[in-house]
Amino acid sequence: YGLFLGISALTVCEFLDFGIRKFCHKILSERKKRRRQEKYP
C-alpha cells in the first residue's frame, strides 16, 4: 500500500507541477504579447 500510495502521490505532484508550469507559461506569453503591441501599435 505504501508503495502504491507513494507512486500516486508523485503522480499528483507531477500533474500539479505541470499545471503550474503551464499557467506560468501562459501568463508570460500574454505579457510578451502586450509588450509587442505597445511597442509596435
PDB file of all heavy atoms in Angstrom:
ATOM      1  N   TYR A   1       0.834  -1.208   0.000  1.00  0.00           N
ATOM      2  CA  TYR A   1       0.000   0.000   0.000  1.00  0.00           C
ATOM      3  C   TYR A   1       0.867   1.255   0.000  1.00  0.00           C
ATOM      4  O   TYR A   1       0.590   2.228  -0.714  1.00  0.00           O
ATOM      5  CB  TYR A   1      -0.922   0.005   1.216  1.00  0.00           C
ATOM      6  CG  TYR A   1      -2.108  -0.912   1.083  1.00  0.00           C
ATOM      7  CD1 TYR A   1      -2.474  -1.763   2.121  1.00  0.00           C
ATOM      8  CD2 TYR A   1      -2.877  -0.927  -0.070  1.00  0.00           C
ATOM      9  CE1 TYR A   1      -3.562  -2.619   2.017  1.00  0.00           C
ATOM     10  CE2 TYR A   1      -3.966  -1.773  -0.199  1.00  0.00           C
ATOM     11  CZ  TYR A   1      -4.306  -2.618   0.848  1.00  0.00           C
ATOM     12  OH  TYR A   1      -5.367  -3.451   0.733  1.00  0.00           O
ATOM     13  N   GLY A   2       1.911   1.257   0.811  1.00  0.00           N
ATOM     14  CA  GLY A   2       2.802   2.412   0.862  1.00  0.00           C
ATOM     15  C   GLY A   2       3.463   2.680  -0.473  1.00  0.00           C
ATOM     16  O   GLY A   2       3.601   3.836  -0.905  1.00  0.00           O
ATOM     17  N   LEU A   3       3.862   1.589  -1.154  1.00  0.00           N
ATOM     18  CA  LEU A   3       4.491   1.746  -2.467  1.00  0.00           C
ATOM     19  C   LEU A   3       3.524   2.381  -3.465  1.00  0.00           C
ATOM     20  O   LEU A   3       3.858   3.365  -4.138  1.00  0.00           O
ATOM     21  CB  LEU A   3       4.956   0.377  -2.968  1.00  0.00           C
ATOM     22  CG  LEU A   3       5.524   0.339  -4.395  1.00  0.00           C
ATOM     23  CD1 LEU A   3       6.797   1.184  -4.487  1.00  0.00           C
ATOM     24  CD2 LEU A   3       5.804  -1.101  -4.798  1.00  0.00           C
ATOM     25  N   PHE A   4       2.300   1.807  -3.523  1.00  0.00           N
ATOM     26  CA  PHE A   4       1.334   2.334  -4.496  1.00  0.00           C
ATOM     27  C   PHE A   4       0.895   3.742  -4.142  1.00  0.00           C
ATOM     28  O   PHE A   4       0.723   4.589  -5.021  1.00  0.00           O
ATOM     29  CB  PHE A   4       0.128   1.399  -4.589  1.00  0.00           C
ATOM     30  CG  PHE A   4       0.442   0.099  -5.259  1.00  0.00           C
ATOM     31  CD1 PHE A   4       0.247  -1.103  -4.604  1.00  0.00           C
ATOM     32  CD2 PHE A   4       0.968   0.073  -6.544  1.00  0.00           C
ATOM     33  CE1 PHE A   4       0.550  -2.292  -5.223  1.00  0.00           C
ATOM     34  CE2 PHE A   4       1.269  -1.106  -7.171  1.00  0.00           C
ATOM     35  CZ  PHE A   4       1.067  -2.308  -6.511  1.00  0.00           C
ATOM     36  N   LEU A   5       0.686   4.023  -2.838  1.00  0.00           N
ATOM     37  CA  LEU A   5       0.311   5.381  -2.441  1.00  0.00           C
ATOM     38  C   LEU A   5       1.419   6.365  -2.731  1.00  0.00           C
ATOM     39  O   LEU A   5       1.182   7.505  -3.133  1.00  0.00           O
ATOM     40  CB  LEU A   5      -0.058   5.400  -0.955  1.00  0.00           C
ATOM     41  CG  LEU A   5      -1.370   4.706  -0.577  1.00  0.00           C
ATOM     42  CD1 LEU A   5      -1.533   4.665   0.939  1.00  0.00           C
ATOM     43  CD2 LEU A   5      -2.556   5.425  -1.208  1.00  0.00           C
ATOM     44  N   GLY A   6       2.670   5.906  -2.549  1.00  0.00           N
ATOM     45  CA  GLY A   6       3.801   6.780  -2.853  1.00  0.00           C
ATOM     46  C   GLY A   6       3.849   7.113  -4.337  1.00  0.00           C
ATOM     47  O   GLY A   6       4.060   8.262  -4.739  1.00  0.00           O
ATOM     48  N   ILE A   7       3.626   6.132  -5.176  1.00  0.00           N
ATOM     49  CA  ILE A   7       3.590   6.371  -6.620  1.00  0.00           C
ATOM     50  C   ILE A   7       2.461   7.332  -6.978  1.00  0.00           C
ATOM     51  O   ILE A   7       2.621   8.248  -7.788  1.00  0.00           O
ATOM     52  CB  ILE A   7       3.443   5.031  -7.366  1.00  0.00           C
ATOM     53  CG1 ILE A   7       4.710   4.196  -7.182  1.00  0.00           C
ATOM     54  CG2 ILE A   7       3.174   5.259  -8.850  1.00  0.00           C
ATOM     55  CD1 ILE A   7       4.616   2.798  -7.769  1.00  0.00           C
ATOM     56  N   SER A   8       1.278   7.146  -6.360  1.00  0.00           N
ATOM     57  CA  SER A   8       0.140   8.024  -6.648  1.00  0.00           C
ATOM     58  C   SER A   8       0.435   9.449  -6.230  1.00  0.00           C
ATOM     59  O   SER A   8       0.097  10.413  -6.938  1.00  0.00           O
ATOM     60  CB  SER A   8      -1.106   7.497  -5.918  1.00  0.00           C
ATOM     61  OG  SER A   8      -1.418   6.180  -6.350  1.00  0.00           O
ATOM     62  N   ALA A   9       1.063   9.637  -5.083  1.00  0.00           N
ATOM     63  CA  ALA A   9       1.379  10.989  -4.615  1.00  0.00           C
ATOM     64  C   ALA A   9       2.356  11.670  -5.571  1.00  0.00           C
ATOM     65  O   ALA A   9       2.223  12.870  -5.891  1.00  0.00           O
ATOM     66  CB  ALA A   9       1.966  10.932  -3.207  1.00  0.00           C
ATOM     67  N   LEU A  10       3.351  10.925  -6.046  1.00  0.00           N
ATOM     68  CA  LEU A  10       4.301  11.514  -7.004  1.00  0.00           C
ATOM     69  C   LEU A  10       3.598  11.907  -8.290  1.00  0.00           C
ATOM     70  O   LEU A  10       3.888  12.959  -8.888  1.00  0.00           O
ATOM     71  CB  LEU A  10       5.415  10.505  -7.305  1.00  0.00           C
ATOM     72  CG  LEU A  10       6.443  10.272  -6.184  1.00  0.00           C
ATOM     73  CD1 LEU A  10       7.393   9.146  -6.569  1.00  0.00           C
ATOM     74  CD2 LEU A  10       7.236  11.562  -5.913  1.00  0.00           C
ATOM     75  N   THR A  11       2.660  11.064  -8.739  1.00  0.00           N
ATOM     76  CA  THR A  11       1.915  11.389  -9.964  1.00  0.00           C
ATOM     77  C   THR A  11       1.106  12.675  -9.786  1.00  0.00           C
ATOM     78  O   THR A  11       1.070  13.536 -10.680  1.00  0.00           O
ATOM     79  CB  THR A  11       0.989  10.220 -10.331  1.00  0.00           C
ATOM     80  OG1 THR A  11       1.765   9.028 -10.467  1.00  0.00           O
ATOM     81  CG2 THR A  11       0.268  10.488 -11.644  1.00  0.00           C
ATOM     82  N   VAL A  12       0.447  12.823  -8.620  1.00  0.00           N
ATOM     83  CA  VAL A  12      -0.319  14.053  -8.343  1.00  0.00           C
ATOM     84  C   VAL A  12       0.598  15.266  -8.350  1.00  0.00           C
ATOM     85  O   VAL A  12       0.269  16.326  -8.924  1.00  0.00           O
ATOM     86  CB  VAL A  12      -1.056  13.911  -6.990  1.00  0.00           C
ATOM     87  CG1 VAL A  12      -1.669  15.259  -6.576  1.00  0.00           C
ATOM     88  CG2 VAL A  12      -2.126  12.843  -7.074  1.00  0.00           C
ATOM     89  N   CYS A  13       1.779  15.106  -7.728  1.00  0.00           N
ATOM     90  CA  CYS A  13       2.725  16.228  -7.703  1.00  0.00           C
ATOM     91  C   CYS A  13       3.186  16.596  -9.121  1.00  0.00           C
ATOM     92  O   CYS A  13       3.362  17.785  -9.457  1.00  0.00           O
ATOM     93  CB  CYS A  13       3.933  15.888  -6.847  1.00  0.00           C
ATOM     94  SG  CYS A  13       3.557  15.743  -5.077  1.00  0.00           S
ATOM     95  N   GLU A  14       3.377  15.560  -9.976  1.00  0.00           N
ATOM     96  CA  GLU A  14       3.784  15.838 -11.355  1.00  0.00           C
ATOM     97  C   GLU A  14       2.685  16.590 -12.099  1.00  0.00           C
ATOM     98  O   GLU A  14       2.969  17.524 -12.879  1.00  0.00           O
ATOM     99  CB  GLU A  14       4.095  14.523 -12.069  1.00  0.00           C
ATOM    100  CG  GLU A  14       5.414  13.900 -11.607  1.00  0.00           C
ATOM    101  CD  GLU A  14       5.673  12.573 -12.278  1.00  0.00           C
ATOM    102  OE1 GLU A  14       4.760  12.075 -12.996  1.00  0.00           O
ATOM    103  OE2 GLU A  14       6.757  12.009 -12.098  1.00  0.00           O
ATOM    104  N   PHE A  15       1.430  16.184 -11.878  1.00  0.00           N
ATOM    105  CA  PHE A  15       0.330  16.925 -12.517  1.00  0.00           C
ATOM    106  C   PHE A  15       0.267  18.362 -12.021  1.00  0.00           C
ATOM    107  O   PHE A  15       0.041  19.305 -12.798  1.00  0.00           O
ATOM    108  CB  PHE A  15      -0.996  16.214 -12.263  1.00  0.00           C
ATOM    109  CG  PHE A  15      -1.281  15.116 -13.239  1.00  0.00           C
ATOM    110  CD1 PHE A  15      -1.287  13.793 -12.848  1.00  0.00           C
ATOM    111  CD2 PHE A  15      -1.553  15.410 -14.579  1.00  0.00           C
ATOM    112  CE1 PHE A  15      -1.541  12.788 -13.743  1.00  0.00           C
ATOM    113  CE2 PHE A  15      -1.813  14.404 -15.485  1.00  0.00           C
ATOM    114  CZ  PHE A  15      -1.805  13.064 -15.079  1.00  0.00           C
ATOM    115  N   LEU A  16       0.444  18.571 -10.713  1.00  0.00           N
ATOM    116  CA  LEU A  16       0.443  19.932 -10.159  1.00  0.00           C
ATOM    117  C   LEU A  16       1.583  20.762 -10.750  1.00  0.00           C
ATOM    118  O   LEU A  16       1.416  21.932 -11.107  1.00  0.00           O
ATOM    119  CB  LEU A  16       0.550  19.877  -8.631  1.00  0.00           C
ATOM    120  CG  LEU A  16      -0.676  19.367  -7.881  1.00  0.00           C
ATOM    121  CD1 LEU A  16      -0.377  19.233  -6.394  1.00  0.00           C
ATOM    122  CD2 LEU A  16      -1.844  20.339  -8.087  1.00  0.00           C
ATOM    123  N   ASP A  17       2.764  20.091 -10.822  1.00  0.00           N
ATOM    124  CA  ASP A  17       3.914  20.801 -11.388  1.00  0.00           C
ATOM    125  C   ASP A  17       3.661  21.179 -12.848  1.00  0.00           C
ATOM    126  O   ASP A  17       3.962  22.318 -13.277  1.00  0.00           O
ATOM    127  CB  ASP A  17       5.144  19.893 -11.278  1.00  0.00           C
ATOM    128  CG  ASP A  17       6.379  20.544 -11.860  1.00  0.00           C
ATOM    129  OD1 ASP A  17       6.859  21.541 -11.277  1.00  0.00           O
ATOM    130  OD2 ASP A  17       6.860  20.043 -12.899  1.00  0.00           O
ATOM    131  N   PHE A  18       3.062  20.242 -13.598  1.00  0.00           N
ATOM    132  CA  PHE A  18       2.744  20.516 -14.990  1.00  0.00           C
ATOM    133  C   PHE A  18       1.726  21.658 -15.101  1.00  0.00           C
ATOM    134  O   PHE A  18       1.859  22.570 -15.940  1.00  0.00           O
ATOM    135  CB  PHE A  18       2.196  19.252 -15.660  1.00  0.00           C
ATOM    136  CG  PHE A  18       1.735  19.462 -17.057  1.00  0.00           C
ATOM    137  CD1 PHE A  18       2.653  19.580 -18.109  1.00  0.00           C
ATOM    138  CD2 PHE A  18       0.378  19.572 -17.345  1.00  0.00           C
ATOM    139  CE1 PHE A  18       2.217  19.780 -19.397  1.00  0.00           C
ATOM    140  CE2 PHE A  18      -0.043  19.781 -18.638  1.00  0.00           C
ATOM    141  CZ  PHE A  18       0.863  19.879 -19.671  1.00  0.00           C
ATOM    142  N   GLY A  19       0.709  21.643 -14.244  1.00  0.00           N
ATOM    143  CA  GLY A  19      -0.306  22.696 -14.287  1.00  0.00           C
ATOM    144  C   GLY A  19       0.261  24.052 -13.937  1.00  0.00           C
ATOM    145  O   GLY A  19      -0.061  25.080 -14.595  1.00  0.00           O
ATOM    146  N   ILE A  20       1.116  24.110 -12.904  1.00  0.00           N
ATOM    147  CA  ILE A  20       1.721  25.386 -12.508  1.00  0.00           C
ATOM    148  C   ILE A  20       2.605  25.921 -13.632  1.00  0.00           C
ATOM    149  O   ILE A  20       2.575  27.120 -13.969  1.00  0.00           O
ATOM    150  CB  ILE A  20       2.510  25.218 -11.205  1.00  0.00           C
ATOM    151  CG1 ILE A  20       1.536  24.910 -10.046  1.00  0.00           C
ATOM    152  CG2 ILE A  20       3.338  26.453 -10.906  1.00  0.00           C
ATOM    153  CD1 ILE A  20       2.231  24.504  -8.755  1.00  0.00           C
ATOM    154  N   ARG A  21       3.430  25.020 -14.204  1.00  0.00           N
ATOM    155  CA  ARG A  21       4.306  25.435 -15.293  1.00  0.00           C
ATOM    156  C   ARG A  21       3.490  25.930 -16.497  1.00  0.00           C
ATOM    157  O   ARG A  21       3.839  26.925 -17.152  1.00  0.00           O
ATOM    158  CB  ARG A  21       5.203  24.282 -15.720  1.00  0.00           C
ATOM    159  CG  ARG A  21       6.308  23.968 -14.714  1.00  0.00           C
ATOM    160  CD  ARG A  21       7.095  22.720 -15.150  1.00  0.00           C
ATOM    161  NE  ARG A  21       8.125  22.411 -14.198  1.00  0.00           N
ATOM    162  CZ  ARG A  21       9.359  22.904 -14.233  1.00  0.00           C
ATOM    163  NH1 ARG A  21       9.702  23.781 -15.197  1.00  0.00           N
ATOM    164  NH2 ARG A  21      10.243  22.587 -13.324  1.00  0.00           N
ATOM    165  N   LYS A  22       2.405  25.251 -16.805  1.00  0.00           N
ATOM    166  CA  LYS A  22       1.558  25.655 -17.924  1.00  0.00           C
ATOM    167  C   LYS A  22       0.931  27.031 -17.665  1.00  0.00           C
ATOM    168  O   LYS A  22       0.880  27.897 -18.562  1.00  0.00           O
ATOM    169  CB  LYS A  22       0.460  24.605 -18.125  1.00  0.00           C
ATOM    170  CG  LYS A  22      -0.357  24.777 -19.380  1.00  0.00           C
ATOM    171  CD  LYS A  22       0.457  24.445 -20.604  1.00  0.00           C
ATOM    172  CE  LYS A  22      -0.409  24.501 -21.857  1.00  0.00           C
ATOM    173  NZ  LYS A  22       0.379  24.309 -23.075  1.00  0.00           N
ATOM    174  N   PHE A  23       0.464  27.211 -16.424  1.00  0.00           N
ATOM    175  CA  PHE A  23      -0.152  28.503 -16.057  1.00  0.00           C
ATOM    176  C   PHE A  23       0.861  29.630 -16.138  1.00  0.00           C
ATOM    177  O   PHE A  23       0.602  30.712 -16.688  1.00  0.00           O
ATOM    178  CB  PHE A  23      -0.736  28.380 -14.662  1.00  0.00           C
ATOM    179  CG  PHE A  23      -1.355  29.634 -14.152  1.00  0.00           C
ATOM    180  CD1 PHE A  23      -2.586  30.075 -14.652  1.00  0.00           C
ATOM    181  CD2 PHE A  23      -0.713  30.409 -13.195  1.00  0.00           C
ATOM    182  CE1 PHE A  23      -3.163  31.251 -14.188  1.00  0.00           C
ATOM    183  CE2 PHE A  23      -1.286  31.586 -12.738  1.00  0.00           C
ATOM    184  CZ  PHE A  23      -2.502  31.999 -13.223  1.00  0.00           C
ATOM    185  N   CYS A  24       2.055  29.353 -15.596  1.00  0.00           N
ATOM    186  CA  CYS A  24       3.100  30.379 -15.631  1.00  0.00           C
ATOM    187  C   CYS A  24       3.506  30.700 -17.080  1.00  0.00           C
ATOM    188  O   CYS A  24       3.749  31.876 -17.455  1.00  0.00           O
ATOM    189  CB  CYS A  24       4.319  29.946 -14.841  1.00  0.00           C
ATOM    190  SG  CYS A  24       4.011  29.806 -13.055  1.00  0.00           S
ATOM    191  N   HIS A  25       3.622  29.662 -17.889  1.00  0.00           N
ATOM    192  CA  HIS A  25       3.995  29.863 -19.290  1.00  0.00           C
ATOM    193  C   HIS A  25       2.935  30.695 -20.020  1.00  0.00           C
ATOM    194  O   HIS A  25       3.275  31.588 -20.828  1.00  0.00           O
ATOM    195  CB  HIS A  25       4.157  28.513 -19.982  1.00  0.00           C
ATOM    196  CG  HIS A  25       4.483  28.622 -21.440  1.00  0.00           C
ATOM    197  ND1 HIS A  25       5.732  29.038 -21.904  1.00  0.00           N
ATOM    198  CD2 HIS A  25       3.725  28.386 -22.546  1.00  0.00           C
ATOM    199  CE1 HIS A  25       5.723  29.053 -23.213  1.00  0.00           C
ATOM    200  NE2 HIS A  25       4.509  28.655 -23.642  1.00  0.00           N
ATOM    201  N   LYS A  26       1.672  30.476 -19.736  1.00  0.00           N
ATOM    202  CA  LYS A  26       0.596  31.244 -20.376  1.00  0.00           C
ATOM    203  C   LYS A  26       0.636  32.700 -19.964  1.00  0.00           C
ATOM    204  O   LYS A  26       0.462  33.614 -20.794  1.00  0.00           O
ATOM    205  CB  LYS A  26      -0.739  30.613 -20.009  1.00  0.00           C
ATOM    206  CG  LYS A  26      -1.901  31.204 -20.782  1.00  0.00           C
ATOM    207  CD  LYS A  26      -3.178  30.453 -20.494  1.00  0.00           C
ATOM    208  CE  LYS A  26      -4.322  31.035 -21.329  1.00  0.00           C
ATOM    209  NZ  LYS A  26      -5.598  30.321 -21.070  1.00  0.00           N
ATOM    210  N   ILE A  27       0.859  32.956 -18.672  1.00  0.00           N
ATOM    211  CA  ILE A  27       0.933  34.344 -18.185  1.00  0.00           C
ATOM    212  C   ILE A  27       2.096  35.077 -18.852  1.00  0.00           C
ATOM    213  O   ILE A  27       1.987  36.222 -19.304  1.00  0.00           O
ATOM    214  CB  ILE A  27       1.066  34.367 -16.658  1.00  0.00           C
ATOM    215  CG1 ILE A  27      -0.250  33.867 -16.024  1.00  0.00           C
ATOM    216  CG2 ILE A  27       1.411  35.769 -16.169  1.00  0.00           C
ATOM    217  CD1 ILE A  27      -0.189  33.747 -14.518  1.00  0.00           C
ATOM    218  N   LEU A  28       3.249  34.429 -18.891  1.00  0.00           N
ATOM    219  CA  LEU A  28       4.418  35.067 -19.513  1.00  0.00           C
ATOM    220  C   LEU A  28       4.175  35.341 -20.997  1.00  0.00           C
ATOM    221  O   LEU A  28       4.597  36.392 -21.538  1.00  0.00           O
ATOM    222  CB  LEU A  28       5.651  34.177 -19.343  1.00  0.00           C
ATOM    223  CG  LEU A  28       6.182  34.054 -17.903  1.00  0.00           C
ATOM    224  CD1 LEU A  28       7.314  33.034 -17.836  1.00  0.00           C
ATOM    225  CD2 LEU A  28       6.662  35.430 -17.401  1.00  0.00           C
ATOM    226  N   SER A  29       3.499  34.412 -21.654  1.00  0.00           N
ATOM    227  CA  SER A  29       3.197  34.623 -23.082  1.00  0.00           C
ATOM    228  C   SER A  29       2.277  35.822 -23.285  1.00  0.00           C
ATOM    229  O   SER A  29       2.454  36.616 -24.232  1.00  0.00           O
ATOM    230  CB  SER A  29       2.545  33.358 -23.674  1.00  0.00           C
ATOM    231  OG  SER A  29       3.432  32.273 -23.596  1.00  0.00           O
ATOM    232  N   GLU A  30       1.282  35.974 -22.411  1.00  0.00           N
ATOM    233  CA  GLU A  30       0.374  37.120 -22.521  1.00  0.00           C
ATOM    234  C   GLU A  30       1.121  38.433 -22.308  1.00  0.00           C
ATOM    235  O   GLU A  30       0.889  39.426 -23.006  1.00  0.00           O
ATOM    236  CB  GLU A  30      -0.758  36.980 -21.509  1.00  0.00           C
ATOM    237  CG  GLU A  30      -1.733  35.865 -21.799  1.00  0.00           C
ATOM    238  CD  GLU A  30      -2.580  36.190 -23.027  1.00  0.00           C
ATOM    239  OE1 GLU A  30      -2.750  37.384 -23.345  1.00  0.00           O
ATOM    240  OE2 GLU A  30      -3.047  35.226 -23.682  1.00  0.00           O
ATOM    241  N   ARG A  31       2.025  38.487 -21.369  1.00  0.00           N
ATOM    242  CA  ARG A  31       2.780  39.714 -21.108  1.00  0.00           C
ATOM    243  C   ARG A  31       3.659  40.088 -22.308  1.00  0.00           C
ATOM    244  O   ARG A  31       3.751  41.252 -22.698  1.00  0.00           O
ATOM    245  CB  ARG A  31       3.647  39.532 -19.854  1.00  0.00           C
ATOM    246  CG  ARG A  31       2.829  39.519 -18.570  1.00  0.00           C
ATOM    247  CD  ARG A  31       3.758  39.353 -17.368  1.00  0.00           C
ATOM    248  NE  ARG A  31       2.990  39.381 -16.122  1.00  0.00           N
ATOM    249  CZ  ARG A  31       3.540  39.198 -14.925  1.00  0.00           C
ATOM    250  NH1 ARG A  31       4.857  38.965 -14.827  1.00  0.00           N
ATOM    251  NH2 ARG A  31       2.784  39.249 -13.852  1.00  0.00           N
ATOM    252  N   LYS A  32       4.325  39.072 -22.849  1.00  0.00           N
ATOM    253  CA  LYS A  32       5.171  39.365 -24.026  1.00  0.00           C
ATOM    254  C   LYS A  32       4.333  39.878 -25.175  1.00  0.00           C
ATOM    255  O   LYS A  32       4.754  40.775 -25.934  1.00  0.00           O
ATOM    256  CB  LYS A  32       5.915  38.086 -24.451  1.00  0.00           C
ATOM    257  CG  LYS A  32       7.024  37.696 -23.493  1.00  0.00           C
ATOM    258  CD  LYS A  32       7.716  36.428 -23.983  1.00  0.00           C
ATOM    259  CE  LYS A  32       8.833  36.038 -23.019  1.00  0.00           C
ATOM    260  NZ  LYS A  32       9.511  34.805 -23.459  1.00  0.00           N
ATOM    261  N   LYS A  33       3.146  39.336 -25.353  1.00  0.00           N
ATOM    262  CA  LYS A  33       2.278  39.767 -26.444  1.00  0.00           C
ATOM    263  C   LYS A  33       1.871  41.219 -26.265  1.00  0.00           C
ATOM    264  O   LYS A  33       1.845  42.019 -27.221  1.00  0.00           O
ATOM    265  CB  LYS A  33       1.057  38.848 -26.484  1.00  0.00           C
ATOM    266  CG  LYS A  33       0.139  39.108 -27.662  1.00  0.00           C
ATOM    267  CD  LYS A  33      -1.010  38.119 -27.655  1.00  0.00           C
ATOM    268  CE  LYS A  33      -1.928  38.381 -28.845  1.00  0.00           C
ATOM    269  NZ  LYS A  33      -3.058  37.412 -28.854  1.00  0.00           N
ATOM    270  N   ARG A  34       1.550  41.643 -25.018  1.00  0.00           N
ATOM    271  CA  ARG A  34       1.149  43.034 -24.770  1.00  0.00           C
ATOM    272  C   ARG A  34       2.307  43.993 -25.051  1.00  0.00           C
ATOM    273  O   ARG A  34       2.130  45.080 -25.594  1.00  0.00           O
ATOM    274  CB  ARG A  34       0.693  43.196 -23.326  1.00  0.00           C
ATOM    275  CG  ARG A  34      -0.672  42.558 -23.032  1.00  0.00           C
ATOM    276  CD  ARG A  34      -1.235  43.098 -21.712  1.00  0.00           C
ATOM    277  NE  ARG A  34      -2.110  42.114 -21.101  1.00  0.00           N
ATOM    278  CZ  ARG A  34      -1.810  41.320 -20.127  1.00  0.00           C
ATOM    279  NH1 ARG A  34      -0.571  41.394 -19.599  1.00  0.00           N
ATOM    280  NH2 ARG A  34      -2.679  40.467 -19.642  1.00  0.00           N
ATOM    281  N   ARG A  35       3.483  43.569 -24.623  1.00  0.00           N
ATOM    282  CA  ARG A  35       4.641  44.443 -24.841  1.00  0.00           C
ATOM    283  C   ARG A  35       4.903  44.677 -26.337  1.00  0.00           C
ATOM    284  O   ARG A  35       5.248  45.771 -26.761  1.00  0.00           O
ATOM    285  CB  ARG A  35       5.873  43.826 -24.187  1.00  0.00           C
ATOM    286  CG  ARG A  35       5.827  43.929 -22.666  1.00  0.00           C
ATOM    287  CD  ARG A  35       7.018  43.193 -22.063  1.00  0.00           C
ATOM    288  NE  ARG A  35       6.929  43.219 -20.607  1.00  0.00           N
ATOM    289  CZ  ARG A  35       7.735  42.523 -19.820  1.00  0.00           C
ATOM    290  NH1 ARG A  35       8.657  41.743 -20.379  1.00  0.00           N
ATOM    291  NH2 ARG A  35       7.604  42.621 -18.528  1.00  0.00           N
ATOM    292  N   ARG A  36       4.754  43.644 -27.097  1.00  0.00           N
ATOM    293  CA  ARG A  36       4.961  43.800 -28.526  1.00  0.00           C
ATOM    294  C   ARG A  36       3.903  44.754 -29.142  1.00  0.00           C
ATOM    295  O   ARG A  36       4.181  45.569 -29.993  1.00  0.00           O
ATOM    296  CB  ARG A  36       4.923  42.445 -29.251  1.00  0.00           C
ATOM    297  CG  ARG A  36       6.185  41.636 -29.085  1.00  0.00           C
ATOM    298  CD  ARG A  36       6.233  40.531 -30.140  1.00  0.00           C
ATOM    299  NE  ARG A  36       5.105  39.648 -30.025  1.00  0.00           N
ATOM    300  CZ  ARG A  36       5.132  38.533 -29.294  1.00  0.00           C
ATOM    301  NH1 ARG A  36       6.202  38.209 -28.589  1.00  0.00           N
ATOM    302  NH2 ARG A  36       4.055  37.760 -29.251  1.00  0.00           N
ATOM    303  N   GLN A  37       2.664  44.640 -28.670  1.00  0.00           N
ATOM    304  CA  GLN A  37       1.610  45.511 -29.186  1.00  0.00           C
ATOM    305  C   GLN A  37       1.853  46.957 -28.796  1.00  0.00           C
ATOM    306  O   GLN A  37       1.567  47.885 -29.553  1.00  0.00           O
ATOM    307  CB  GLN A  37       0.253  45.043 -28.691  1.00  0.00           C
ATOM    308  CG  GLN A  37      -0.197  43.745 -29.295  1.00  0.00           C
ATOM    309  CD  GLN A  37      -1.530  43.259 -28.743  1.00  0.00           C
ATOM    310  OE1 GLN A  37      -2.024  43.839 -27.742  1.00  0.00           O
ATOM    311  NE2 GLN A  37      -2.089  42.215 -29.362  1.00  0.00           N
ATOM    312  N   GLU A  38       2.360  47.184 -27.539  1.00  0.00           N
ATOM    313  CA  GLU A  38       2.635  48.537 -27.105  1.00  0.00           C
ATOM    314  C   GLU A  38       3.803  49.145 -27.889  1.00  0.00           C
ATOM    315  O   GLU A  38       3.852  50.333 -28.175  1.00  0.00           O
ATOM    316  CB  GLU A  38       2.948  48.548 -25.621  1.00  0.00           C
ATOM    317  CG  GLU A  38       1.741  48.232 -24.758  1.00  0.00           C
ATOM    318  CD  GLU A  38       2.097  48.153 -23.294  1.00  0.00           C
ATOM    319  OE1 GLU A  38       3.320  48.229 -22.972  1.00  0.00           O
ATOM    320  OE2 GLU A  38       1.191  47.935 -22.460  1.00  0.00           O
ATOM    321  N   LYS A  39       4.769  48.313 -28.212  1.00  0.00           N
ATOM    322  CA  LYS A  39       5.945  48.808 -28.898  1.00  0.00           C
ATOM    323  C   LYS A  39       5.667  49.054 -30.381  1.00  0.00           C
ATOM    324  O   LYS A  39       6.186  49.995 -30.986  1.00  0.00           O
ATOM    325  CB  LYS A  39       7.086  47.796 -28.718  1.00  0.00           C
ATOM    326  CG  LYS A  39       8.425  48.342 -29.215  1.00  0.00           C
ATOM    327  CD  LYS A  39       9.498  47.344 -28.856  1.00  0.00           C
ATOM    328  CE  LYS A  39      10.860  47.898 -29.307  1.00  0.00           C
ATOM    329  NZ  LYS A  39      11.955  46.988 -28.951  1.00  0.00           N
ATOM    330  N   TYR A  40       4.896  48.148 -30.970  1.00  0.00           N
ATOM    331  CA  TYR A  40       4.573  48.276 -32.392  1.00  0.00           C
ATOM    332  C   TYR A  40       3.045  48.347 -32.558  1.00  0.00           C
ATOM    333  O   TYR A  40       2.438  47.333 -32.912  1.00  0.00           O
ATOM    334  CB  TYR A  40       5.131  47.094 -33.178  1.00  0.00           C
ATOM    335  CG  TYR A  40       6.628  46.894 -32.992  1.00  0.00           C
ATOM    336  CD1 TYR A  40       7.094  45.907 -32.166  1.00  0.00           C
ATOM    337  CD2 TYR A  40       7.523  47.742 -33.668  1.00  0.00           C
ATOM    338  CE1 TYR A  40       8.464  45.727 -31.989  1.00  0.00           C
ATOM    339  CE2 TYR A  40       8.871  47.559 -33.501  1.00  0.00           C
ATOM    340  CZ  TYR A  40       9.342  46.531 -32.654  1.00  0.00           C
ATOM    341  OH  TYR A  40      10.675  46.354 -32.491  1.00  0.00           O
ATOM    342  N   PRO A  41       2.455  49.521 -32.317  1.00  0.00           N
ATOM    343  CA  PRO A  41       0.987  49.599 -32.445  1.00  0.00           C
ATOM    344  C   PRO A  41       0.595  49.544 -33.909  1.00  0.00           C
ATOM    345  O   PRO A  41       1.329  50.005 -34.791  1.00  0.00           O
ATOM    346  CB  PRO A  41       0.656  50.970 -31.827  1.00  0.00           C
ATOM    347  CG  PRO A  41       1.917  51.740 -31.956  1.00  0.00           C
ATOM    348  CD  PRO A  41       3.063  50.804 -31.868  1.00  0.00           C
TER     349      PRO A  41
END
